[in-house]
Amino acid sequence: MTAVSRSSEHLFTKPNQGSIRLLAGLGVEGDAHLGVTVRHRSRVAVDPTQPNLRQVHLIHAELHEELAVAGFTVAAGELGENITTRGIDLLGLPTGTLLHLGAEAVVEVTGLRNPCPQINAFRNGLLKAVVGRDEAGNVVRKAGIMAVVRTGGDLRPGDPIRVELPPPPHRALERV
């Protein structure tokens, strides 16, 4: 991982940290999205008893590079992610993939982040750059993936990530 980030407030961006701690079944210690039930404001407004399938947000650093080519300067944590990765096709992982992070933490991938219009308030036009359509006209979401914490642990930039795919048949990620 290239960066770890958290914010105790519901802000769009999350400041980078020297380390973060994942708590099993809850998320990132000290983060506004920590909890068993939903913490994202739009989800709470609909049904505050929903399970929190968005405890940890991961984005691939390659997205930041792709956005730079499109004219957007975006650094790690600025899109609200807790963990920035490199060299892993996060968007291509199937639902239920386990990511072994650092020495002991494990998160289970639950789905794709569905970017909200707030992203345009951060950088005008950015929503269109992270949500597109494929050749068949299907929506393609590029703003990272969401996960729940199965095993807690401390994480730092530079820690390794090991991918453990679930048994087949694999199910493609959907928005959560």
Protein backbone atom coordinates (compact mmCIF):
# COMPACT_ATOMS: atom_id res chain seq x y z
CA MET A 1 0.00 0.00 0.00
CA THR A 2 1.22 3.47 -0.81
CA ALA A 3 -0.83 5.49 1.70
CA VAL A 4 -3.25 5.12 4.61
CA SER A 5 -5.77 7.81 5.53
CA ARG A 6 -8.60 8.57 7.95
CA SER A 7 -10.80 11.43 9.10
CA SER A 8 -12.90 11.62 12.24
CA GLU A 9 -15.22 14.05 10.46
CA HIS A 10 -17.50 13.49 7.47
CA LEU A 11 -15.20 15.30 5.05
CA PHE A 12 -14.71 14.42 1.41
CA THR A 13 -10.95 14.00 1.76
CA LYS A 14 -9.06 12.06 4.41
CA PRO A 15 -5.61 13.19 5.57
CA ASN A 16 -2.76 10.72 5.12
CA GLN A 17 -1.48 9.13 8.31
CA GLY A 18 1.70 7.37 9.36
CA SER A 19 -0.47 4.41 10.35
CA ILE A 20 -4.10 3.41 10.83
CA ARG A 21 -5.67 0.63 12.88
CA LEU A 22 -8.42 -1.60 11.49
CA LEU A 23 -10.94 -2.91 14.01
CA ALA A 24 -12.71 -6.22 13.24
CA GLY A 25 -16.35 -5.72 12.27
CA LEU A 26 -16.10 -1.93 12.55
CA GLY A 27 -13.62 -0.31 10.17
CA VAL A 28 -10.83 2.22 10.64
CA GLU A 29 -10.32 3.37 14.23
CA GLY A 30 -10.99 7.11 14.49
CA ASP A 31 -12.68 7.32 11.08
CA ALA A 32 -16.15 8.85 10.65
CA HIS A 33 -17.31 5.70 8.82
CA LEU A 34 -16.45 3.35 11.70
CA GLY A 35 -19.37 1.19 12.74
CA VAL A 36 -21.42 -1.98 12.39
CA THR A 37 -24.27 -0.09 10.70
CA VAL A 38 -24.04 2.44 7.85
CA ARG A 39 -22.27 5.73 8.52
CA HIS A 40 -22.41 7.35 5.08
CA ARG A 41 -24.92 10.18 5.45
CA SER A 42 -26.97 9.31 2.36
CA ARG A 43 -27.32 5.70 3.53
CA VAL A 44 -28.19 6.68 7.11
CA ALA A 45 -30.99 8.92 5.77
CA VAL A 46 -32.53 5.93 3.94
CA ASP A 47 -32.14 3.27 6.66
CA PRO A 48 -29.72 3.70 9.58
CA THR A 49 -30.02 0.00 10.50
CA GLN A 50 -28.39 -1.27 7.26
CA PRO A 51 -25.15 -3.20 7.78
CA ASN A 52 -22.03 -1.14 7.07
CA LEU A 53 -20.59 -2.77 3.93
CA ARG A 54 -18.43 0.34 3.42
CA GLN A 55 -16.15 0.19 6.48
CA VAL A 56 -12.94 0.56 4.47
CA HIS A 57 -12.50 2.35 1.13
CA LEU A 58 -9.60 1.34 -1.13
CA ILE A 59 -8.43 3.10 -4.31
CA HIS A 60 -5.64 2.10 -6.67
CA ALA A 61 -2.89 4.74 -7.13
CA GLU A 62 -3.12 4.08 -10.86
CA LEU A 63 -6.46 5.92 -10.82
CA HIS A 64 -4.70 9.06 -9.56
CA GLU A 65 -2.29 8.75 -12.50
CA GLU A 66 -5.15 8.22 -14.98
CA LEU A 67 -6.90 11.30 -13.60
CA ALA A 68 -3.69 13.35 -13.91
CA VAL A 69 -3.56 12.52 -17.62
CA ALA A 70 -7.15 13.81 -17.85
CA GLY A 71 -6.09 17.07 -16.16
CA PHE A 72 -7.11 16.37 -12.54
CA THR A 73 -4.55 16.59 -9.75
CA VAL A 74 -5.63 14.12 -7.05
CA ALA A 75 -3.42 12.79 -4.26
CA ALA A 76 -3.82 9.77 -2.00
CA GLY A 77 -6.69 10.23 0.46
CA GLU A 78 -8.27 13.11 -1.45
CA LEU A 79 -11.07 10.92 -2.85
CA GLY A 80 -11.91 9.75 0.66
CA GLU A 81 -10.09 6.44 0.57
CA ASN A 82 -8.58 4.84 3.64
CA ILE A 83 -6.06 2.71 1.76
CA THR A 84 -4.26 3.54 -1.48
CA THR A 85 -2.83 0.51 -3.30
CA ARG A 86 -0.54 -0.03 -6.28
CA GLY A 87 -0.27 -2.99 -8.64
CA ILE A 88 -3.59 -4.65 -7.74
CA ASP A 89 -6.57 -4.60 -10.10
CA LEU A 90 -9.02 -3.67 -7.36
CA LEU A 91 -11.91 -3.13 -9.78
CA GLY A 92 -11.41 -6.59 -11.26
CA LEU A 93 -11.60 -8.46 -7.94
CA PRO A 94 -14.67 -10.59 -7.32
CA THR A 95 -17.03 -10.00 -4.39
CA GLY A 96 -15.81 -11.83 -1.30
CA THR A 97 -12.10 -11.47 -2.08
CA LEU A 98 -9.98 -11.34 1.06
CA LEU A 99 -7.18 -8.79 1.15
CA HIS A 100 -4.48 -9.60 3.69
CA LEU A 101 -3.06 -6.21 4.69
CA GLY A 102 0.21 -5.81 6.52
CA ALA A 103 1.13 -8.36 9.17
CA GLU A 104 -2.34 -9.36 10.37
CA ALA A 105 -5.31 -7.37 9.05
CA VAL A 106 -7.82 -8.93 6.66
CA VAL A 107 -10.66 -7.16 4.83
CA GLU A 108 -13.38 -8.72 2.70
CA VAL A 109 -14.30 -6.91 -0.51
CA THR A 110 -18.02 -6.06 -0.58
CA GLY A 111 -18.37 -4.02 -3.77
CA LEU A 112 -17.69 -0.89 -5.77
CA ARG A 113 -17.80 2.62 -4.43
CA ASN A 114 -20.59 4.59 -6.00
CA PRO A 115 -19.19 8.12 -6.28
CA CYS A 116 -21.60 10.88 -5.35
CA PRO A 117 -21.98 14.40 -6.79
CA GLN A 118 -19.75 15.72 -3.95
CA ILE A 119 -16.85 14.65 -6.12
CA ASN A 120 -17.60 17.55 -8.50
CA ALA A 121 -17.46 20.00 -5.59
CA PHE A 122 -13.93 18.71 -4.96
CA ARG A 123 -12.86 19.01 -8.62
CA ASN A 124 -15.36 20.22 -11.22
CA GLY A 125 -15.96 17.51 -13.83
CA LEU A 126 -14.30 14.74 -11.80
CA LEU A 127 -17.47 12.65 -11.48
CA LYS A 128 -17.53 12.10 -15.23
CA ALA A 129 -13.87 11.01 -15.11
CA VAL A 130 -14.53 8.32 -12.49
CA VAL A 131 -17.89 7.09 -13.80
CA GLY A 132 -18.11 6.15 -17.44
CA ARG A 133 -19.63 3.62 -19.78
CA ASP A 134 -18.15 0.60 -21.50
CA GLU A 135 -18.67 -0.38 -25.16
CA ALA A 136 -22.01 -2.02 -24.27
CA GLY A 137 -23.26 1.10 -22.49
CA ASN A 138 -22.91 -0.35 -18.98
CA VAL A 139 -21.91 2.00 -16.16
CA VAL A 140 -18.25 1.64 -15.14
CA ARG A 141 -17.35 2.88 -11.67
CA LYS A 142 -13.63 3.56 -11.16
CA ALA A 143 -13.60 5.29 -7.73
CA GLY A 144 -12.41 2.28 -5.77
CA ILE A 145 -13.84 -0.58 -3.79
CA MET A 146 -15.37 -1.04 -0.37
CA ALA A 147 -14.64 -3.70 2.24
CA VAL A 148 -15.45 -4.85 5.76
CA VAL A 149 -12.83 -5.70 8.36
CA ARG A 150 -12.64 -9.41 9.19
CA THR A 151 -9.39 -9.26 11.22
CA GLY A 152 -8.03 -6.07 12.71
CA GLY A 153 -4.48 -4.80 12.70
CA ASP A 154 -2.19 -1.83 12.21
CA LEU A 155 -1.33 -0.65 8.69
CA ARG A 156 1.40 1.61 7.36
CA PRO A 157 2.43 2.82 3.91
CA GLY A 158 4.72 0.20 2.38
CA ASP A 159 2.95 -2.73 4.05
CA PRO A 160 2.30 -5.68 1.71
CA ILE A 161 -1.10 -6.74 0.39
CA ARG A 162 -1.90 -10.34 -0.47
CA VAL A 163 -5.01 -11.20 -2.50
CA GLU A 164 -7.02 -14.34 -1.67
CA LEU A 165 -9.76 -15.00 -4.19
CA PRO A 166 -12.98 -16.68 -3.04
CA PRO A 167 -13.86 -20.11 -4.42
CA PRO A 168 -15.53 -20.06 -7.87
CA PRO A 169 -17.89 -19.18 -9.29
CA HIS A 170 -16.76 -15.57 -8.91
CA ARG A 171 -19.26 -12.75 -8.74
CA ALA A 172 -18.33 -9.41 -10.31
CA LEU A 173 -18.36 -6.39 -8.02
CA GLU A 174 -21.53 -4.29 -7.88
CA ARG A 175 -22.02 -0.91 -6.23
CA VAL A 176 -22.57 -0.92 -2.47
